[in-house]
PDB file of N, CA and C in Angstrom:
ATOM      1  N   ASP A   1       0.488   7.457  -0.134  1.00  0.00           N
ATOM      2  CA  ASP A   1       0.602   6.473  -1.191  1.00  0.00           C
ATOM      3  C   ASP A   1       0.852   5.105  -0.588  1.00  0.00           C
ATOM      4  N   HIS A   2       0.661   4.084  -1.368  1.00  0.00           N
ATOM      5  CA  HIS A   2       0.850   2.725  -0.876  1.00  0.00           C
ATOM      6  C   HIS A   2       1.976   1.983  -1.585  1.00  0.00           C
ATOM      7  N   GLY A   3       2.964   2.709  -2.048  1.00  0.00           N
ATOM      8  CA  GLY A   3       4.134   2.058  -2.597  1.00  0.00           C
ATOM      9  C   GLY A   3       4.277   2.100  -4.097  1.00  0.00           C
ATOM     10  N   CYS A   4       3.499   2.924  -4.791  1.00  0.00           N
ATOM     11  CA  CYS A   4       3.590   2.988  -6.247  1.00  0.00           C
ATOM     12  C   CYS A   4       4.156   4.327  -6.705  1.00  0.00           C
ATOM     13  N   ASP A   5       5.074   4.258  -7.631  1.00  0.00           N
ATOM     14  CA  ASP A   5       5.616   5.454  -8.256  1.00  0.00           C
ATOM     15  C   ASP A   5       4.546   6.000  -9.196  1.00  0.00           C
ATOM     16  N   PRO A   6       4.018   7.203  -8.944  1.00  0.00           N
ATOM     17  CA  PRO A   6       2.935   7.730  -9.775  1.00  0.00           C
ATOM     18  C   PRO A   6       3.342   8.028 -11.217  1.00  0.00           C
ATOM     19  N   THR A   7       4.640   8.072 -11.489  1.00  0.00           N
ATOM     20  CA  THR A   7       5.081   8.356 -12.858  1.00  0.00           C
ATOM     21  C   THR A   7       5.333   7.087 -13.669  1.00  0.00           C
ATOM     22  N   TYR A   8       5.241   5.916 -13.044  1.00  0.00           N
ATOM     23  CA  TYR A   8       5.500   4.652 -13.726  1.00  0.00           C
ATOM     24  C   TYR A   8       4.177   4.073 -14.200  1.00  0.00           C
ATOM     25  N   ILE A   9       3.993   3.959 -15.506  1.00  0.00           N
ATOM     26  CA  ILE A   9       2.689   3.552 -16.042  1.00  0.00           C
ATOM     27  C   ILE A   9       2.674   2.158 -16.673  1.00  0.00           C
ATOM     28  N   ALA A  10       3.788   1.442 -16.632  1.00  0.00           N
ATOM     29  CA  ALA A  10       3.842   0.121 -17.270  1.00  0.00           C
ATOM     30  C   ALA A  10       2.953  -0.901 -16.563  1.00  0.00           C
ATOM     31  N   HIS A  11       2.793  -0.759 -15.257  1.00  0.00           N
ATOM     32  CA  HIS A  11       1.931  -1.666 -14.490  1.00  0.00           C
ATOM     33  C   HIS A  11       1.536  -0.968 -13.193  1.00  0.00           C
ATOM     34  N   THR A  12       0.642  -1.589 -12.450  1.00  0.00           N
ATOM     35  CA  THR A  12       0.178  -0.984 -11.196  1.00  0.00           C
ATOM     36  C   THR A  12       0.735  -1.689  -9.964  1.00  0.00           C
ATOM     37  N   ASP A  13       1.695  -2.590 -10.149  1.00  0.00           N
ATOM     38  CA  ASP A  13       2.324  -3.244  -9.002  1.00  0.00           C
ATOM     39  C   ASP A  13       3.170  -2.232  -8.238  1.00  0.00           C
ATOM     40  N   HIS A  14       3.539  -2.592  -7.037  1.00  0.00           N
ATOM     41  CA  HIS A  14       4.369  -1.697  -6.235  1.00  0.00           C
ATOM     42  C   HIS A  14       5.728  -1.546  -6.898  1.00  0.00           C
ATOM     43  N   THR A  15       6.233  -0.335  -6.880  1.00  0.00           N
ATOM     44  CA  THR A  15       7.457  -0.047  -7.610  1.00  0.00           C
ATOM     45  C   THR A  15       8.607   0.314  -6.679  1.00  0.00           C
ATOM     46  N   ARG A  16       8.728   1.540  -6.271  1.00  0.00           N
ATOM     47  CA  ARG A  16       9.935   1.943  -5.569  1.00  0.00           C
ATOM     48  C   ARG A  16       9.721   2.472  -4.167  1.00  0.00           C
ATOM     49  N   GLU A  17       8.526   2.935  -3.833  1.00  0.00           N
ATOM     50  CA  GLU A  17       8.313   3.531  -2.530  1.00  0.00           C
ATOM     51  C   GLU A  17       8.223   2.460  -1.449  1.00  0.00           C
ATOM     52  N   TYR A  18       8.733   2.811  -0.298  1.00  0.00           N
ATOM     53  CA  TYR A  18       8.638   1.933   0.864  1.00  0.00           C
ATOM     54  C   TYR A  18       7.685   2.566   1.861  1.00  0.00           C
ATOM     55  N   VAL A  19       6.875   1.756   2.487  1.00  0.00           N
ATOM     56  CA  VAL A  19       5.888   2.233   3.449  1.00  0.00           C
ATOM     57  C   VAL A  19       6.362   1.832   4.841  1.00  0.00           C
ATOM     58  N   PRO A  20       6.504   2.804   5.748  1.00  0.00           N
ATOM     59  CA  PRO A  20       6.982   2.459   7.090  1.00  0.00           C
ATOM     60  C   PRO A  20       5.939   1.668   7.874  1.00  0.00           C
ATOM     61  N   LEU A  21       6.422   0.820   8.741  1.00  0.00           N
ATOM     62  CA  LEU A  21       5.563   0.047   9.631  1.00  0.00           C
ATOM     63  C   LEU A  21       6.049   0.292  11.048  1.00  0.00           C
ATOM     64  N   LEU A  22       5.176   0.805  11.885  1.00  0.00           N
ATOM     65  CA  LEU A  22       5.501   1.031  13.291  1.00  0.00           C
ATOM     66  C   LEU A  22       4.719   0.033  14.123  1.00  0.00           C
ATOM     67  N   VAL A  23       5.418  -0.686  14.981  1.00  0.00           N
ATOM     68  CA  VAL A  23       4.784  -1.670  15.848  1.00  0.00           C
ATOM     69  C   VAL A  23       5.079  -1.267  17.284  1.00  0.00           C
ATOM     70  N   THR A  24       4.045  -1.160  18.094  1.00  0.00           N
ATOM     71  CA  THR A  24       4.242  -0.764  19.483  1.00  0.00           C
ATOM     72  C   THR A  24       3.290  -1.527  20.387  1.00  0.00           C
ATOM     73  N   GLY A  25       3.633  -1.581  21.637  1.00  0.00           N
ATOM     74  CA  GLY A  25       2.792  -2.250  22.620  1.00  0.00           C
ATOM     75  C   GLY A  25       3.629  -2.759  23.774  1.00  0.00           C
ATOM     76  N   SER A  26       2.973  -3.126  24.837  1.00  0.00           N
ATOM     77  CA  SER A  26       3.689  -3.561  26.036  1.00  0.00           C
ATOM     78  C   SER A  26       4.416  -4.891  25.841  1.00  0.00           C
ATOM     79  N   MET A  27       4.030  -5.659  24.852  1.00  0.00           N
ATOM     80  CA  MET A  27       4.652  -6.967  24.612  1.00  0.00           C
ATOM     81  C   MET A  27       5.619  -6.962  23.427  1.00  0.00           C
ATOM     82  N   THR A  28       5.964  -5.770  22.925  1.00  0.00           N
ATOM     83  CA  THR A  28       6.869  -5.705  21.781  1.00  0.00           C
ATOM     84  C   THR A  28       8.262  -5.281  22.211  1.00  0.00           C
ATOM     85  N   LYS A  29       9.251  -5.778  21.489  1.00  0.00           N
ATOM     86  CA  LYS A  29      10.642  -5.417  21.739  1.00  0.00           C
ATOM     87  C   LYS A  29      10.870  -3.992  21.237  1.00  0.00           C
ATOM     88  N   PRO A  30      11.548  -3.167  22.006  1.00  0.00           N
ATOM     89  CA  PRO A  30      11.830  -1.810  21.540  1.00  0.00           C
ATOM     90  C   PRO A  30      12.995  -1.795  20.543  1.00  0.00           C
ATOM     91  N   GLY A  31      12.942  -0.880  19.594  1.00  0.00           N
ATOM     92  CA  GLY A  31      14.058  -0.631  18.693  1.00  0.00           C
ATOM     93  C   GLY A  31      14.346  -1.696  17.658  1.00  0.00           C
ATOM     94  N   VAL A  32      13.391  -2.524  17.323  1.00  0.00           N
ATOM     95  CA  VAL A  32      13.614  -3.569  16.315  1.00  0.00           C
ATOM     96  C   VAL A  32      13.512  -2.954  14.923  1.00  0.00           C
ATOM     97  N   ASN A  33      14.513  -3.178  14.100  1.00  0.00           N
ATOM     98  CA  ASN A  33      14.490  -2.731  12.711  1.00  0.00           C
ATOM     99  C   ASN A  33      14.273  -3.966  11.844  1.00  0.00           C
ATOM    100  N   LEU A  34      13.119  -4.043  11.235  1.00  0.00           N
ATOM    101  CA  LEU A  34      12.792  -5.190  10.385  1.00  0.00           C
ATOM    102  C   LEU A  34      13.371  -5.056   8.984  1.00  0.00           C
ATOM    103  N   GLY A  35      13.937  -3.909   8.674  1.00  0.00           N
ATOM    104  CA  GLY A  35      14.490  -3.692   7.351  1.00  0.00           C
ATOM    105  C   GLY A  35      13.402  -3.627   6.293  1.00  0.00           C
ATOM    106  N   ALA A  36      13.800  -3.720   5.051  1.00  0.00           N
ATOM    107  CA  ALA A  36      12.841  -3.734   3.940  1.00  0.00           C
ATOM    108  C   ALA A  36      12.343  -5.166   3.781  1.00  0.00           C
ATOM    109  N   ARG A  37      11.056  -5.350   3.900  1.00  0.00           N
ATOM    110  CA  ARG A  37      10.466  -6.682   3.784  1.00  0.00           C
ATOM    111  C   ARG A  37      10.274  -7.030   2.311  1.00  0.00           C
ATOM    112  N   GLU A  38      10.133  -8.287   2.039  1.00  0.00           N
ATOM    113  CA  GLU A  38       9.967  -8.775   0.667  1.00  0.00           C
ATOM    114  C   GLU A  38       8.588  -8.443   0.107  1.00  0.00           C
ATOM    115  N   THR A  39       7.561  -8.423   0.969  1.00  0.00           N
ATOM    116  CA  THR A  39       6.198  -8.240   0.495  1.00  0.00           C
ATOM    117  C   THR A  39       5.299  -7.727   1.611  1.00  0.00           C
ATOM    118  N   PHE A  40       4.226  -7.033   1.237  1.00  0.00           N
ATOM    119  CA  PHE A  40       3.219  -6.608   2.214  1.00  0.00           C
ATOM    120  C   PHE A  40       2.573  -7.819   2.887  1.00  0.00           C
ATOM    121  N   ALA A  41       2.610  -8.958   2.233  1.00  0.00           N
ATOM    122  CA  ALA A  41       2.005 -10.168   2.790  1.00  0.00           C
ATOM    123  C   ALA A  41       2.652 -10.570   4.110  1.00  0.00           C
ATOM    124  N   ASP A  42       3.864 -10.088   4.375  1.00  0.00           N
ATOM    125  CA  ASP A  42       4.515 -10.371   5.658  1.00  0.00           C
ATOM    126  C   ASP A  42       3.701  -9.802   6.818  1.00  0.00           C
ATOM    127  N   ILE A  43       3.069  -8.665   6.615  1.00  0.00           N
ATOM    128  CA  ILE A  43       2.235  -8.069   7.659  1.00  0.00           C
ATOM    129  C   ILE A  43       1.031  -8.970   7.928  1.00  0.00           C
ATOM    130  N   GLY A  44       0.403  -9.436   6.872  1.00  0.00           N
ATOM    131  CA  GLY A  44      -0.732 -10.338   7.021  1.00  0.00           C
ATOM    132  C   GLY A  44      -0.335 -11.644   7.686  1.00  0.00           C
ATOM    133  N   ALA A  45       0.824 -12.182   7.310  1.00  0.00           N
ATOM    134  CA  ALA A  45       1.298 -13.430   7.910  1.00  0.00           C
ATOM    135  C   ALA A  45       1.579 -13.244   9.397  1.00  0.00           C
ATOM    136  N   THR A  46       2.090 -12.079   9.762  1.00  0.00           N
ATOM    137  CA  THR A  46       2.376 -11.785  11.164  1.00  0.00           C
ATOM    138  C   THR A  46       1.089 -11.663  11.964  1.00  0.00           C
ATOM    139  N   ALA A  47       0.127 -10.930  11.440  1.00  0.00           N
ATOM    140  CA  ALA A  47      -1.167 -10.784  12.116  1.00  0.00           C
ATOM    141  C   ALA A  47      -1.858 -12.140  12.242  1.00  0.00           C
ATOM    142  N   ALA A  48      -1.790 -12.944  11.196  1.00  0.00           N
ATOM    143  CA  ALA A  48      -2.422 -14.266  11.223  1.00  0.00           C
ATOM    144  C   ALA A  48      -1.785 -15.153  12.283  1.00  0.00           C
ATOM    145  N   GLU A  49      -0.465 -15.139  12.365  1.00  0.00           N
ATOM    146  CA  GLU A  49       0.205 -15.951  13.386  1.00  0.00           C
ATOM    147  C   GLU A  49      -0.199 -15.487  14.781  1.00  0.00           C
ATOM    148  N   TYR A  50      -0.253 -14.187  14.989  1.00  0.00           N
ATOM    149  CA  TYR A  50      -0.644 -13.638  16.289  1.00  0.00           C
ATOM    150  C   TYR A  50      -2.057 -14.078  16.672  1.00  0.00           C
ATOM    151  N   LEU A  51      -2.941 -14.145  15.689  1.00  0.00           N
ATOM    152  CA  LEU A  51      -4.335 -14.526  15.933  1.00  0.00           C
ATOM    153  C   LEU A  51      -4.572 -16.037  15.890  1.00  0.00           C
ATOM    154  N   GLY A  52      -3.517 -16.802  15.605  1.00  0.00           N
ATOM    155  CA  GLY A  52      -3.643 -18.253  15.579  1.00  0.00           C
ATOM    156  C   GLY A  52      -4.237 -18.807  14.305  1.00  0.00           C
ATOM    157  N   VAL A  53      -4.175 -18.034  13.242  1.00  0.00           N
ATOM    158  CA  VAL A  53      -4.705 -18.464  11.946  1.00  0.00           C
ATOM    159  C   VAL A  53      -3.575 -19.110  11.146  1.00  0.00           C
ATOM    160  N   SER A  54      -3.823 -20.264  10.580  1.00  0.00           N
ATOM    161  CA  SER A  54      -2.799 -20.941   9.786  1.00  0.00           C
ATOM    162  C   SER A  54      -3.287 -21.140   8.359  1.00  0.00           C
ATOM    163  N   GLY A  55      -2.383 -21.609   7.520  1.00  0.00           N
ATOM    164  CA  GLY A  55      -2.753 -21.949   6.157  1.00  0.00           C
ATOM    165  C   GLY A  55      -2.566 -20.845   5.136  1.00  0.00           C
ATOM    166  N   LEU A  56      -1.937 -19.734   5.524  1.00  0.00           N
ATOM    167  CA  LEU A  56      -1.693 -18.681   4.532  1.00  0.00           C
ATOM    168  C   LEU A  56      -0.630 -19.154   3.550  1.00  0.00           C
ATOM    169  N   LYS A  57      -0.795 -18.799   2.304  1.00  0.00           N
ATOM    170  CA  LYS A  57       0.124 -19.246   1.268  1.00  0.00           C
ATOM    171  C   LYS A  57       1.217 -18.224   0.963  1.00  0.00           C
ATOM    172  N   ARG A  58       1.061 -17.008   1.452  1.00  0.00           N
ATOM    173  CA  ARG A  58       2.045 -15.958   1.147  1.00  0.00           C
ATOM    174  C   ARG A  58       2.478 -15.245   2.412  1.00  0.00           C
ATOM    175  N   GLY A  59       3.658 -14.678   2.342  1.00  0.00           N
ATOM    176  CA  GLY A  59       4.167 -13.874   3.445  1.00  0.00           C
ATOM    177  C   GLY A  59       4.941 -14.684   4.467  1.00  0.00           C
ATOM    178  N   THR A  60       5.846 -13.987   5.151  1.00  0.00           N
ATOM    179  CA  THR A  60       6.651 -14.575   6.211  1.00  0.00           C
ATOM    180  C   THR A  60       6.423 -13.771   7.476  1.00  0.00           C
ATOM    181  N   SER A  61       5.963 -14.429   8.510  1.00  0.00           N
ATOM    182  CA  SER A  61       5.688 -13.750   9.770  1.00  0.00           C
ATOM    183  C   SER A  61       6.983 -13.254  10.406  1.00  0.00           C
ATOM    184  N   PHE A  62       6.929 -12.062  10.986  1.00  0.00           N
ATOM    185  CA  PHE A  62       8.052 -11.541  11.765  1.00  0.00           C
ATOM    186  C   PHE A  62       7.657 -11.399  13.236  1.00  0.00           C
ATOM    187  N   LEU A  63       6.638 -12.145  13.649  1.00  0.00           N
ATOM    188  CA  LEU A  63       6.123 -12.058  15.017  1.00  0.00           C
ATOM    189  C   LEU A  63       7.206 -12.345  16.054  1.00  0.00           C
ATOM    190  N   LYS A  64       7.995 -13.390  15.843  1.00  0.00           N
ATOM    191  CA  LYS A  64       9.037 -13.753  16.812  1.00  0.00           C
ATOM    192  C   LYS A  64      10.110 -12.673  16.915  1.00  0.00           C
ATOM    193  N   GLU A  65      10.266 -11.876  15.880  1.00  0.00           N
ATOM    194  CA  GLU A  65      11.258 -10.803  15.898  1.00  0.00           C
ATOM    195  C   GLU A  65      10.796  -9.598  16.709  1.00  0.00           C
ATOM    196  N   ILE A  66       9.480  -9.440  16.878  1.00  0.00           N
ATOM    197  CA  ILE A  66       8.981  -8.227  17.528  1.00  0.00           C
ATOM    198  C   ILE A  66       8.397  -8.439  18.918  1.00  0.00           C
ATOM    199  N   LEU A  67       8.041  -9.679  19.268  1.00  0.00           N
ATOM    200  CA  LEU A  67       7.457  -9.915  20.591  1.00  0.00           C
ATOM    201  C   LEU A  67       8.533 -10.226  21.621  1.00  0.00           C
ATOM    202  N   LEU A  68       8.286  -9.775  22.851  1.00  0.00           N
ATOM    203  CA  LEU A  68       9.202 -10.077  23.958  1.00  0.00           C
ATOM    204  C   LEU A  68       9.144 -11.549  24.296  1.00  0.00           C
TER     205      LEU A  68
END
């Protein structure tokens, strides 16, 4: 699933489930707990910052928290 309670029918926005994110690589800090993020857009903002893309209107990058 992608974060939606299948029994909640009032809307299709994300409800209660949390989706784990695992980040690994030779340039990443080990054992970083990012906690519960505010939005999935944080992942996009992080990828965009890593790739040098600017101008995103949503999300907060956590790149500095995970890179050595």
